[in-house]
Amino acid sequence: MSFHFPVRVYWEDTDAGGIVFYANYLKFFERARTEWLRHLGLQQHQLKQDTGGMFVVIDTQLKYHRPAQLDDLLQVSAVMQDKGRASLVIAQQAWRPEQDGSQTLLCEGTIRIGWVNAAKMKPERIPSSLLELFS
């Protein structure tokens, strides 16, 4: 199941030419993943308090196709690609809807998030109750 989150491009997201700075796509993807978890009923701060664990990014792979620009309203997606015992791989894309109804793919990638013990910052297995939510 794909989750979509709107992201507006602001001045702070762009370089001097008004083009989104390449690293900011990671921020856009982070916002979409956070809202995806919230949509599933998981708030990360509460999750940490309740379980003592948290998700951290352990690997990213991105491909840039087209630039986004100042004031663009993007649609950023997050969809589970792979689920392991200690990590999840989330496929993500940033699209710009066009006036003619089409969409332009701007950036796509995969983000692997691992589950760690928050106090020790050591990898652990994702609690089974969480894994069930991702089925």
Protein backbone atom coordinates (compact mmCIF):
# COMPACT_ATOMS: atom_id res chain seq x y z
CA MET A 1 0.00 0.00 0.00
CA SER A 2 1.45 3.34 -1.07
CA PHE A 3 1.26 6.39 1.18
CA HIS A 4 1.39 9.91 -0.31
CA PHE A 5 2.33 13.14 1.43
CA PRO A 6 2.32 16.67 -0.05
CA VAL A 7 5.48 18.78 0.31
CA ARG A 8 5.73 22.42 -0.75
CA VAL A 9 9.16 23.66 -1.90
CA TYR A 10 10.23 26.74 0.08
CA TRP A 11 13.23 29.09 -0.29
CA GLU A 12 15.06 27.16 2.42
CA ASP A 13 14.89 24.02 0.24
CA THR A 14 16.56 25.60 -2.79
CA ASP A 15 19.96 26.73 -3.95
CA ALA A 16 20.71 30.21 -5.31
CA GLY A 17 19.05 29.29 -8.62
CA GLY A 18 15.73 28.32 -7.03
CA ILE A 19 16.32 24.58 -7.64
CA VAL A 20 15.83 22.09 -4.80
CA PHE A 21 19.21 21.25 -3.28
CA TYR A 22 19.79 17.54 -3.90
CA ALA A 23 20.15 16.54 -0.22
CA ASN A 24 16.74 18.03 0.62
CA TYR A 25 15.01 15.13 -1.12
CA LEU A 26 16.18 13.07 1.86
CA LYS A 27 14.33 15.52 4.13
CA PHE A 28 11.21 15.25 1.97
CA PHE A 29 11.43 11.45 2.13
CA GLU A 30 11.90 11.59 5.92
CA ARG A 31 8.76 13.69 6.32
CA ALA A 32 6.75 11.25 4.20
CA ARG A 33 8.03 8.22 6.17
CA THR A 34 7.23 9.93 9.46
CA GLU A 35 3.70 10.74 8.30
CA TRP A 36 3.32 7.19 6.93
CA LEU A 37 4.16 5.82 10.39
CA ARG A 38 1.76 8.32 11.97
CA HIS A 39 -0.91 7.16 9.50
CA LEU A 40 -0.32 3.62 10.80
CA GLY A 41 -0.85 4.87 14.36
CA LEU A 42 2.84 5.09 15.28
CA GLN A 43 4.31 8.27 16.66
CA GLN A 44 8.06 7.91 16.87
CA HIS A 45 8.51 9.66 20.23
CA GLN A 46 5.80 7.51 21.81
CA LEU A 47 7.20 4.39 20.16
CA LYS A 48 10.58 5.09 21.75
CA GLN A 49 9.01 5.61 25.17
CA ASP A 50 6.85 2.48 24.94
CA THR A 51 9.42 0.06 23.50
CA GLY A 52 12.83 1.55 24.22
CA GLY A 53 13.61 1.24 20.52
CA MET A 54 13.55 3.41 17.45
CA PHE A 55 14.10 3.37 13.72
CA VAL A 56 17.28 4.88 12.27
CA VAL A 57 18.33 5.25 8.65
CA ILE A 58 21.09 2.78 7.83
CA ASP A 59 21.27 2.98 4.03
CA THR A 60 20.01 5.19 1.20
CA GLN A 61 20.03 4.86 -2.57
CA LEU A 62 18.74 7.81 -4.61
CA LYS A 63 18.37 8.59 -8.29
CA TYR A 64 17.61 12.11 -9.50
CA HIS A 65 15.55 12.54 -12.66
CA ARG A 66 14.35 16.15 -12.86
CA PRO A 67 14.70 19.22 -10.64
CA ALA A 68 11.99 20.58 -8.40
CA GLN A 69 11.78 24.34 -8.08
CA LEU A 70 10.68 27.01 -5.67
CA ASP A 71 6.91 26.88 -4.92
CA ASP A 72 6.38 23.45 -6.50
CA LEU A 73 3.88 21.27 -4.64
CA LEU A 74 5.28 17.76 -4.67
CA GLN A 75 3.71 14.41 -3.89
CA VAL A 76 6.11 12.19 -1.97
CA SER A 77 5.31 8.50 -1.64
CA ALA A 78 6.42 5.78 0.75
CA VAL A 79 5.74 2.10 0.22
CA MET A 80 7.14 -0.94 2.02
CA GLN A 81 9.48 -2.77 -0.33
CA ASP A 82 11.00 -5.33 2.03
CA LYS A 83 10.49 -6.33 5.64
CA GLY A 84 13.15 -8.12 7.68
CA ARG A 85 13.48 -8.96 11.36
CA ALA A 86 15.67 -5.94 12.12
CA SER A 87 15.11 -3.55 9.22
CA LEU A 88 12.62 -2.29 6.65
CA VAL A 89 13.26 -1.08 3.12
CA ILE A 90 10.99 1.76 2.05
CA ALA A 91 10.72 2.69 -1.64
CA GLN A 92 10.12 6.40 -2.07
CA GLN A 93 9.44 8.78 -4.93
CA ALA A 94 8.93 12.52 -5.32
CA TRP A 95 6.56 13.58 -8.11
CA ARG A 96 5.45 16.97 -9.41
CA PRO A 97 1.85 17.03 -10.67
CA GLU A 98 1.64 18.96 -13.94
CA GLN A 99 -1.19 21.22 -15.15
CA ASP A 100 -2.18 18.73 -17.86
CA GLY A 101 -2.85 16.04 -15.24
CA SER A 102 0.39 14.13 -15.80
CA GLN A 103 3.11 13.74 -13.20
CA THR A 104 6.86 14.19 -13.51
CA LEU A 105 9.10 11.87 -11.51
CA LEU A 106 11.78 14.00 -9.86
CA CYS A 107 13.60 11.65 -7.52
CA GLU A 108 13.28 8.04 -6.40
CA GLY A 109 15.11 5.82 -4.03
CA THR A 110 15.14 3.27 -1.29
CA ILE A 111 15.73 3.93 2.36
CA ARG A 112 16.62 1.11 4.75
CA ILE A 113 15.64 1.82 8.34
CA GLY A 114 16.94 -0.38 11.13
CA TRP A 115 15.54 -0.94 14.58
CA VAL A 116 17.90 -0.11 17.44
CA ASN A 117 17.81 -0.06 21.21
CA ALA A 118 17.55 3.69 21.79
CA ALA A 119 19.68 3.74 24.94
CA LYS A 120 22.51 1.60 23.56
CA MET A 121 22.16 2.47 19.85
CA LYS A 122 22.62 -1.22 19.06
CA PRO A 123 20.59 -3.17 16.48
CA GLU A 124 17.74 -5.34 17.73
CA ARG A 125 14.83 -7.20 16.20
CA ILE A 126 11.76 -5.17 15.38
CA PRO A 127 9.01 -6.03 17.90
CA SER A 128 6.56 -8.51 16.36
CA SER A 129 3.61 -6.21 17.14
CA LEU A 130 5.19 -3.59 14.87
CA LEU A 131 5.97 -6.06 12.10
CA GLU A 132 2.30 -7.04 12.03
CA LEU A 133 1.35 -3.41 11.28
CA PHE A 134 3.51 -3.51 8.17
CA SER A 135 1.83 -6.59 6.70
